[in-house]
């Protein structure tokens, strides 16, 4: 016999909330990846013969050439000496802390969690460490994140000029949750407030912070004030400290494209002009200008620019600009009905151009990589575990914390062998080549 259709009476999924449940599968995926060839270059630089023990490391270099040889009719010329110049380097400290509530850790370590909570904390730590290394490699020891363009409210402001370089977007080094502080450039010449970043509007570079109370406890930030990372969001806490002037020597110090520094590694440029990097304002920024710039640099420093000794670093838009300037010089081969184009890399005069999305947007630097050194005191970064365990109990609370420490610095023993082409202009929109969701 025929049965009546049950299509209207079968159980729907929405009616089974008491029987079924969500299933969580897979680990938390790293959909935001941060890679910097500049940071990798600094990370892989070795210590050479240098060490950081003692109050400071002192190194020596010649910044003049020897004379005293001459033709005579028999008389022996006087001795002419050559005194070396001494430079100095001191170690800096770098840290990252993680903390966990014991109950939260137990609840988030089984089937109810995407991945083990403690393992995720460790992943977050090393991910943030990589981000720190990127900005420390590209920026200067001042650790300047950016400059206030304008204050839009007690909890919002617009930021500009990463590393202090006019026009470079600072948001590549900032994220919601970051703890930042502002330095009053005019009224107090001091840190006047701190807060956590609540949200970022990437298209306008507007930052919203979480508390007007901690951000503006007295004065208010104004155009031209500086932004730095900070240890905590309350400036009255005893462990509050901004990162201002506490970083290692990145390219902002070694090459100093803005020519803002007069004394580096305790060597004054006025006393020793060859300690100063070779800087030129760009005019055409094409492969001809790059080639001529390297020929000039080779003469200034006394030896040629080669792929074995140097690396050319720039923003990806600058690489694209050079590619466009080269297109008319490429030989085109007949390939039948298929047209082939594009490029996987750009090389000028044998030197590959390296694009870095965290870089100064309008500067091309030539770094003498054979003179770059990274000197660690006590080894590579690692968890502090003097008492045998990386975890320590949080005082008066059911939780634990751990931190990674590193004592190090970087420098170039031949600073004058580096160069910068500044003020680069490109035919395309430079911001389209950054690593931000500002579209």
Protein backbone atom coordinates (compact mmCIF):
# COMPACT_ATOMS: atom_id res chain seq x y z
CA UNK A 1 0.00 0.00 0.00
CA UNK A 2 1.13 3.59 -0.47
CA UNK A 3 2.49 5.59 2.38
CA UNK A 4 2.01 9.35 2.81
CA UNK A 5 5.09 11.53 2.23
CA UNK A 6 7.02 12.35 5.37
CA UNK A 7 8.87 15.29 3.82
CA UNK A 8 7.18 17.74 6.17
CA UNK A 9 7.75 15.71 9.31
CA UNK A 10 11.36 14.53 9.06
CA UNK A 11 13.68 15.97 11.65
CA UNK A 12 15.45 19.13 10.47
CA UNK A 13 19.00 19.88 11.58
CA UNK A 14 17.77 22.90 13.49
CA UNK A 15 15.62 20.62 15.60
CA UNK A 16 18.52 18.52 16.82
CA UNK A 17 20.37 21.08 18.92
CA UNK A 18 20.17 18.82 21.93
CA UNK A 19 21.65 15.86 20.04
CA UNK A 20 24.36 17.31 17.81
CA UNK A 21 27.21 19.72 18.41
CA UNK A 22 29.87 21.62 16.50
CA UNK A 23 33.09 19.83 15.67
CA UNK A 24 36.36 21.74 15.73
CA UNK A 25 38.95 20.44 13.30
CA UNK A 26 42.47 21.42 12.33
CA UNK A 27 44.96 23.82 13.86
CA UNK A 28 44.68 27.60 13.79
CA UNK A 29 46.03 28.49 10.35
CA UNK A 30 48.64 31.26 9.94
CA UNK A 31 46.86 33.29 7.27
CA UNK A 32 49.05 36.33 7.93
CA UNK A 33 52.62 35.46 6.99
CA UNK A 34 55.45 37.90 7.49
CA UNK A 35 58.69 37.38 5.59
CA UNK A 36 61.45 39.92 5.15
CA UNK A 37 64.66 39.27 3.20
CA UNK A 38 66.26 42.15 5.09
CA UNK A 39 65.51 40.53 8.46
CA UNK A 40 66.81 37.19 7.16
CA UNK A 41 70.03 38.88 6.06
CA UNK A 42 70.53 40.33 9.55
CA UNK A 43 69.54 37.08 11.23
CA UNK A 44 72.12 35.11 9.25
CA UNK A 45 74.95 37.59 9.79
CA UNK A 46 77.63 36.01 11.95
CA UNK A 47 79.76 37.50 14.73
CA UNK A 48 83.06 37.14 12.88
CA UNK A 49 85.91 37.91 15.27
CA UNK A 50 83.78 40.19 17.45
CA UNK A 51 82.54 39.65 21.02
CA UNK A 52 80.43 41.70 23.42
CA UNK A 53 81.99 40.87 26.80
CA UNK A 54 82.91 43.72 29.11
CA UNK A 55 81.45 47.22 29.28
CA UNK A 56 81.57 47.67 25.51
CA UNK A 57 83.11 46.16 22.43
CA UNK A 58 85.79 48.31 20.81
CA UNK A 59 86.81 47.72 17.20
CA UNK A 60 89.33 49.51 15.00
CA UNK A 61 89.43 50.52 11.35
CA UNK A 62 91.47 52.71 9.05
CA UNK A 63 89.61 55.66 7.55
CA UNK A 64 92.61 57.15 5.73
CA UNK A 65 95.24 55.64 3.46
CA UNK A 66 98.94 55.44 4.13
CA UNK A 67 101.43 57.78 2.50
CA UNK A 68 105.18 58.32 2.92
CA UNK A 69 106.62 56.60 -0.11
CA UNK A 70 108.41 58.99 -2.48
CA UNK A 71 111.22 59.40 -5.00
CA UNK A 72 114.42 61.13 -3.78
CA UNK A 73 118.05 61.59 -4.82
CA UNK A 74 119.19 59.33 -2.02
CA UNK A 75 117.69 60.79 1.12
CA UNK A 76 115.43 58.49 3.17
CA UNK A 77 112.05 60.14 3.93
CA UNK A 78 110.66 60.50 7.44
CA UNK A 79 108.36 57.86 8.82
CA UNK A 80 104.68 58.67 8.24
CA UNK A 81 102.30 56.92 10.60
CA UNK A 82 98.65 55.95 10.24
CA UNK A 83 96.41 55.90 13.29
CA UNK A 84 93.38 53.63 13.35
CA UNK A 85 89.94 54.86 14.36
CA UNK A 86 88.19 53.12 17.24
CA UNK A 87 84.46 52.38 17.23
CA UNK A 88 82.25 51.08 20.02
CA UNK A 89 79.31 48.71 20.35
CA UNK A 90 77.25 47.79 23.42
CA UNK A 91 74.70 44.96 23.72
CA UNK A 92 70.99 45.70 23.79
CA UNK A 93 68.25 43.60 25.40
CA UNK A 94 65.25 42.06 23.60
CA UNK A 95 62.38 40.28 25.39
CA UNK A 96 58.98 38.68 24.80
CA UNK A 97 56.72 37.36 27.59
CA UNK A 98 53.81 34.92 27.55
CA UNK A 99 51.43 34.13 30.42
CA UNK A 100 48.69 31.57 31.04
CA UNK A 101 45.82 31.07 33.50
CA UNK A 102 46.05 27.45 34.71
CA UNK A 103 42.30 26.85 34.35
CA UNK A 104 42.18 28.33 30.88
CA UNK A 105 45.14 26.20 29.83
CA UNK A 106 43.46 22.98 31.01
CA UNK A 107 40.15 23.87 29.33
CA UNK A 108 41.88 24.75 26.06
CA UNK A 109 44.14 21.72 25.77
CA UNK A 110 41.77 18.92 24.71
CA UNK A 111 39.07 18.21 22.12
CA UNK A 112 37.43 21.55 22.89
CA UNK A 113 40.35 23.48 21.42
CA UNK A 114 41.76 23.84 17.92
CA UNK A 115 45.27 23.25 19.26
CA UNK A 116 47.09 22.90 22.53
CA UNK A 117 46.97 26.22 24.39
CA UNK A 118 50.58 26.20 25.58
CA UNK A 119 51.82 25.32 22.09
CA UNK A 120 49.77 28.17 20.64
CA UNK A 121 51.28 30.62 23.11
CA UNK A 122 54.73 29.54 22.00
CA UNK A 123 53.80 29.96 18.34
CA UNK A 124 52.50 33.46 19.04
CA UNK A 125 55.72 34.32 20.86
CA UNK A 126 58.04 33.33 18.03
CA UNK A 127 55.75 34.92 15.45
CA UNK A 128 55.95 38.23 17.29
CA UNK A 129 59.71 37.78 17.65
CA UNK A 130 59.99 37.56 13.86
CA UNK A 131 57.98 40.78 13.54
CA UNK A 132 60.33 42.47 15.99
CA UNK A 133 63.37 41.33 14.03
CA UNK A 134 61.89 42.75 10.83
CA UNK A 135 61.48 46.28 12.15
CA UNK A 136 64.76 46.17 14.09
CA UNK A 137 66.60 45.19 10.92
CA UNK A 138 65.06 47.90 8.73
CA UNK A 139 64.60 50.75 11.20
CA UNK A 140 67.13 52.50 13.39
CA UNK A 141 68.14 52.00 17.02
CA UNK A 142 65.61 54.72 17.93
CA UNK A 143 62.82 52.14 17.31
CA UNK A 144 60.50 54.87 16.01
CA UNK A 145 57.30 53.25 14.74
CA UNK A 146 55.74 56.32 13.18
CA UNK A 147 54.62 59.89 13.61
CA UNK A 148 51.22 61.32 14.60
CA UNK A 149 49.67 62.97 11.55
CA UNK A 150 46.58 64.22 13.40
CA UNK A 151 44.46 63.55 16.48
CA UNK A 152 40.85 62.82 15.51
CA UNK A 153 39.45 62.15 19.02
CA UNK A 154 40.56 61.18 22.52
CA UNK A 155 40.83 57.56 21.37
CA UNK A 156 41.76 57.95 17.69
CA UNK A 157 44.67 59.32 15.70
CA UNK A 158 46.16 58.98 12.22
CA UNK A 159 49.72 57.70 11.93
CA UNK A 160 52.30 58.26 9.19
CA UNK A 161 56.01 58.01 8.31
CA UNK A 162 57.30 54.59 9.38
CA UNK A 163 60.86 54.68 10.74
CA UNK A 164 60.58 58.48 10.43
CA UNK A 165 60.72 58.20 6.62
CA UNK A 166 58.18 60.58 5.10
CA UNK A 167 55.46 58.69 3.22
CA UNK A 168 56.26 55.12 4.35
CA UNK A 169 53.22 53.36 5.86
CA UNK A 170 53.84 52.38 9.52
CA UNK A 171 50.93 49.96 9.78
CA UNK A 172 53.08 47.07 8.50
CA UNK A 173 54.56 46.95 12.01
CA UNK A 174 51.35 47.47 14.02
CA UNK A 175 48.38 45.24 14.80
CA UNK A 176 45.30 45.30 17.06
CA UNK A 177 46.45 44.41 20.56
CA UNK A 178 49.81 46.16 20.20
CA UNK A 179 50.83 48.24 23.22
CA UNK A 180 52.03 51.67 22.12
CA UNK A 181 53.08 54.93 23.75
CA UNK A 182 53.44 58.47 22.44
CA UNK A 183 56.34 60.85 22.92
CA UNK A 184 55.44 64.52 23.25
CA UNK A 185 57.82 66.36 20.91
CA UNK A 186 56.93 69.87 22.03
CA UNK A 187 55.40 70.33 25.50
CA UNK A 188 57.21 67.80 27.70
CA UNK A 189 59.76 65.93 25.55
CA UNK A 190 58.68 62.76 27.35
CA UNK A 191 56.32 59.81 27.10
CA UNK A 192 52.89 61.21 27.98
CA UNK A 193 50.52 58.28 27.49
CA UNK A 194 50.12 54.64 26.48
CA UNK A 195 47.35 52.24 25.44
CA UNK A 196 46.48 49.10 23.53
CA UNK A 197 45.43 49.32 19.92
CA UNK A 198 41.74 48.41 19.67
CA UNK A 199 41.26 48.69 15.91
CA UNK A 200 42.99 49.89 12.76
CA UNK A 201 41.41 51.41 9.66
CA UNK A 202 44.05 50.52 7.09
CA UNK A 203 42.67 52.64 4.26
CA UNK A 204 43.05 55.89 6.25
CA UNK A 205 45.85 54.84 8.66
CA UNK A 206 43.59 55.65 11.62
CA UNK A 207 44.33 53.88 14.90
CA UNK A 208 41.76 53.47 17.67
CA UNK A 209 43.11 52.79 21.14
CA UNK A 210 41.27 51.12 24.02
CA UNK A 211 41.41 53.79 26.73
CA UNK A 212 41.40 57.58 26.65
CA UNK A 213 42.28 57.51 30.36
CA UNK A 214 45.66 55.86 29.85
CA UNK A 215 46.30 57.45 26.44
CA UNK A 216 45.69 61.02 27.53
CA UNK A 217 46.24 61.19 31.31
CA UNK A 218 47.28 64.81 30.94
CA UNK A 219 48.47 66.24 27.64
CA UNK A 220 47.01 65.26 24.27
CA UNK A 221 49.02 63.99 21.29
CA UNK A 222 49.47 66.39 18.40
CA UNK A 223 50.84 66.32 14.88
CA UNK A 224 54.54 65.49 14.91
CA UNK A 225 54.56 63.45 18.12
CA UNK A 226 56.32 60.06 18.01
CA UNK A 227 54.86 56.56 18.48
CA UNK A 228 56.80 53.70 20.10
CA UNK A 229 56.09 50.23 21.46
CA UNK A 230 55.83 50.00 25.27
CA UNK A 231 56.01 47.31 27.96
CA UNK A 232 52.57 48.08 29.38
CA UNK A 233 49.65 50.43 28.74
CA UNK A 234 49.83 52.39 32.03
CA UNK A 235 52.78 54.77 32.27
CA UNK A 236 52.64 54.91 36.08
CA UNK A 237 53.47 51.21 36.49
CA UNK A 238 56.95 50.53 37.81
CA UNK A 239 57.91 48.36 34.83
CA UNK A 240 56.64 50.78 32.19
CA UNK A 241 59.21 51.56 29.53
CA UNK A 242 58.99 52.57 25.90
CA UNK A 243 61.31 51.13 23.27
CA UNK A 244 62.65 54.60 22.39
CA UNK A 245 66.42 54.53 21.66
CA UNK A 246 66.85 50.99 23.01
CA UNK A 247 67.03 48.95 19.80
CA UNK A 248 69.87 47.36 17.82
CA UNK A 249 71.51 48.99 14.82
CA UNK A 250 69.30 48.37 11.80
CA UNK A 251 69.61 49.91 8.36
CA UNK A 252 68.18 53.16 9.71
CA UNK A 253 71.38 53.50 11.75
CA UNK A 254 73.89 51.77 9.50
CA UNK A 255 72.85 53.50 6.27
CA UNK A 256 70.74 56.34 7.77
CA UNK A 257 69.01 57.35 4.52
CA UNK A 258 67.77 60.63 6.03
CA UNK A 259 71.33 61.62 7.02
CA UNK A 260 69.98 62.42 10.49
CA UNK A 261 72.90 60.99 12.50
CA UNK A 262 76.26 62.63 13.02
CA UNK A 263 77.95 60.07 15.26
CA UNK A 264 77.48 56.31 14.83
CA UNK A 265 79.38 53.56 16.71
CA UNK A 266 81.04 56.46 18.61
CA UNK A 267 82.70 57.65 15.39
CA UNK A 268 81.89 61.20 14.29
CA UNK A 269 81.25 61.66 10.59
CA UNK A 270 82.68 65.21 10.73
CA UNK A 271 86.02 63.85 11.98
CA UNK A 272 86.03 60.83 9.67
CA UNK A 273 84.06 61.53 6.46
CA UNK A 274 84.64 58.01 5.09
CA UNK A 275 82.47 56.69 7.94
CA UNK A 276 79.51 58.33 6.23
CA UNK A 277 77.43 56.19 3.80
CA UNK A 278 77.23 57.37 0.20
CA UNK A 279 73.82 58.97 -0.34
CA UNK A 280 72.37 60.40 -3.55
CA UNK A 281 68.96 61.77 -4.48
CA UNK A 282 67.39 59.74 -7.27
CA UNK A 283 66.64 61.54 -10.54
CA UNK A 284 65.41 58.95 -13.05
CA UNK A 285 65.46 55.70 -11.06
CA UNK A 286 66.08 53.27 -13.88
CA UNK A 287 68.69 50.62 -14.52
CA UNK A 288 71.11 53.23 -15.87
CA UNK A 289 70.90 55.33 -12.71
CA UNK A 290 71.41 52.22 -10.55
CA UNK A 291 74.45 51.15 -12.56
CA UNK A 292 75.99 54.61 -12.39
CA UNK A 293 75.24 54.80 -8.67
CA UNK A 294 77.11 51.55 -8.07
CA UNK A 295 80.03 52.76 -10.17
CA UNK A 296 80.14 55.91 -8.03
CA UNK A 297 79.89 53.89 -4.81
CA UNK A 298 82.74 51.66 -5.98
CA UNK A 299 84.95 54.69 -6.48
CA UNK A 300 83.97 56.26 -3.16
CA UNK A 301 84.75 53.16 -1.12
CA UNK A 302 87.65 51.88 -3.21
CA UNK A 303 86.31 48.53 -4.44
CA UNK A 304 83.60 47.43 -6.87
CA UNK A 305 79.99 46.58 -6.09
CA UNK A 306 79.51 42.86 -6.80
CA UNK A 307 76.92 40.17 -6.04
CA UNK A 308 79.47 38.49 -3.76
CA UNK A 309 79.99 41.56 -1.59
CA UNK A 310 76.71 43.49 -1.74
CA UNK A 311 72.94 43.23 -1.78
CA UNK A 312 70.47 45.76 -3.24
CA UNK A 313 67.40 46.24 -1.01
CA UNK A 314 64.29 48.24 -1.88
CA UNK A 315 60.50 48.35 -1.75
CA UNK A 316 58.74 46.02 -4.26
CA UNK A 317 57.36 49.01 -6.20
CA UNK A 318 60.93 50.13 -6.82
CA UNK A 319 61.81 46.70 -8.22
CA UNK A 320 58.79 46.93 -10.51
CA UNK A 321 59.92 50.37 -11.68
CA UNK A 322 63.34 49.01 -12.69
CA UNK A 323 61.63 46.10 -14.47
CA UNK A 324 59.63 48.58 -16.53
CA UNK A 325 62.79 50.48 -17.43
CA UNK A 326 64.38 47.25 -18.65
CA UNK A 327 61.55 46.02 -20.87
CA UNK A 328 62.73 47.92 -23.95
CA UNK A 329 66.17 46.32 -23.65
CA UNK A 330 65.05 42.69 -23.55
CA UNK A 331 65.42 40.44 -26.58
CA UNK A 332 62.08 38.99 -27.60
CA UNK A 333 62.04 35.50 -29.12
CA UNK A 334 59.39 34.26 -31.55
CA UNK A 335 57.30 31.63 -29.76
CA UNK A 336 54.61 30.90 -32.31
CA UNK A 337 51.06 31.71 -31.24
CA UNK A 338 51.84 32.04 -27.52
CA UNK A 339 52.91 35.37 -26.07
CA UNK A 340 55.17 35.12 -23.06
CA UNK A 341 55.80 37.89 -20.56
CA UNK A 342 56.35 38.78 -16.93
CA UNK A 343 59.45 38.30 -14.83
CA UNK A 344 60.46 36.24 -11.81
CA UNK A 345 63.33 38.51 -10.79
CA UNK A 346 65.20 41.64 -11.79
CA UNK A 347 68.98 41.83 -12.09
CA UNK A 348 70.99 44.94 -12.91
CA UNK A 349 74.69 44.70 -13.75
CA UNK A 350 74.75 41.20 -12.27
CA UNK A 351 73.22 42.27 -8.95
CA UNK A 352 69.73 40.90 -8.12
CA UNK A 353 67.28 43.46 -6.77
CA UNK A 354 65.65 42.32 -3.52
CA UNK A 355 62.15 43.61 -2.79
CA UNK A 356 60.99 43.89 0.82
CA UNK A 357 57.42 44.90 1.66
CA UNK A 358 58.48 46.33 5.04
CA UNK A 359 61.10 48.61 3.50
CA UNK A 360 61.30 52.38 3.04
CA UNK A 361 58.97 52.99 0.10
CA UNK A 362 61.22 55.48 -1.71
CA UNK A 363 64.77 54.37 -0.86
CA UNK A 364 67.06 51.83 -2.52
CA UNK A 365 69.97 50.74 -0.34
CA UNK A 366 73.13 48.92 -1.31
CA UNK A 367 74.36 47.05 1.75
CA UNK A 368 77.95 45.83 2.04
CA UNK A 369 76.90 42.45 3.37
CA UNK A 370 80.44 41.19 3.98
CA UNK A 371 80.84 43.93 6.59
CA UNK A 372 77.58 43.18 8.43
CA UNK A 373 77.90 41.46 11.81
CA UNK A 374 75.43 40.21 14.39
CA UNK A 375 77.07 39.69 17.77
CA UNK A 376 75.25 37.83 20.55
CA UNK A 377 76.13 37.79 24.22
CA UNK A 378 75.24 34.41 25.72
CA UNK A 379 73.93 32.76 22.57
CA UNK A 380 70.80 32.91 20.45
CA UNK A 381 67.41 33.96 21.90
CA UNK A 382 65.81 31.38 24.16
CA UNK A 383 63.53 30.92 27.17
CA UNK A 384 64.97 32.04 30.48
CA UNK A 385 65.19 28.92 32.67
CA UNK A 386 67.85 29.57 35.28
CA UNK A 387 65.91 27.45 37.79
CA UNK A 388 65.52 24.49 35.41
CA UNK A 389 62.10 25.30 33.97
CA UNK A 390 61.04 27.94 31.47
CA UNK A 391 57.76 28.51 33.35
CA UNK A 392 57.55 30.54 36.55
CA UNK A 393 54.49 30.88 38.81
CA UNK A 394 52.69 34.22 38.69
CA UNK A 395 52.85 35.67 42.19
CA UNK A 396 49.54 35.40 44.11
CA UNK A 397 47.67 33.89 41.14
CA UNK A 398 46.97 30.43 39.74
CA UNK A 399 48.92 30.92 36.55
CA UNK A 400 52.38 30.85 35.04
CA UNK A 401 54.55 32.93 32.78
CA UNK A 402 57.69 32.61 30.68
CA UNK A 403 59.87 34.93 28.69
CA UNK A 404 62.48 34.80 25.96
CA UNK A 405 65.59 36.96 26.25
CA UNK A 406 68.37 37.93 23.89
CA UNK A 407 71.41 40.17 24.38
CA UNK A 408 72.94 41.30 21.10
CA UNK A 409 73.63 44.05 18.61
CA UNK A 410 74.39 44.46 14.93
CA UNK A 411 76.81 46.74 13.12
CA UNK A 412 78.75 47.21 9.90
CA UNK A 413 82.50 47.56 10.37
CA UNK A 414 82.75 49.54 7.10
CA UNK A 415 79.74 51.85 7.28
CA UNK A 416 81.01 54.04 4.45
CA UNK A 417 80.83 51.08 2.06
CA UNK A 418 77.01 51.31 2.07
CA UNK A 419 74.81 53.62 0.03
CA UNK A 420 71.27 54.91 -0.42
CA UNK A 421 69.39 56.28 -3.42
CA UNK A 422 66.69 58.45 -1.86
CA UNK A 423 63.55 60.18 -3.06
CA UNK A 424 62.65 57.45 -5.55
CA UNK A 425 59.48 58.00 -7.59
CA UNK A 426 57.64 55.27 -9.47
CA UNK A 427 55.07 55.20 -12.27
CA UNK A 428 52.61 53.05 -10.33
CA UNK A 429 50.87 53.45 -6.96
CA UNK A 430 53.56 52.49 -4.45
CA UNK A 431 51.01 51.57 -1.77
CA UNK A 432 49.61 48.78 -3.95
CA UNK A 433 52.82 46.86 -3.21
CA UNK A 434 52.58 46.97 0.59
CA UNK A 435 51.46 44.03 2.80
CA UNK A 436 48.32 45.69 4.22
CA UNK A 437 44.57 45.17 3.63
CA UNK A 438 44.09 48.83 2.67
CA UNK A 439 42.18 48.12 -0.52
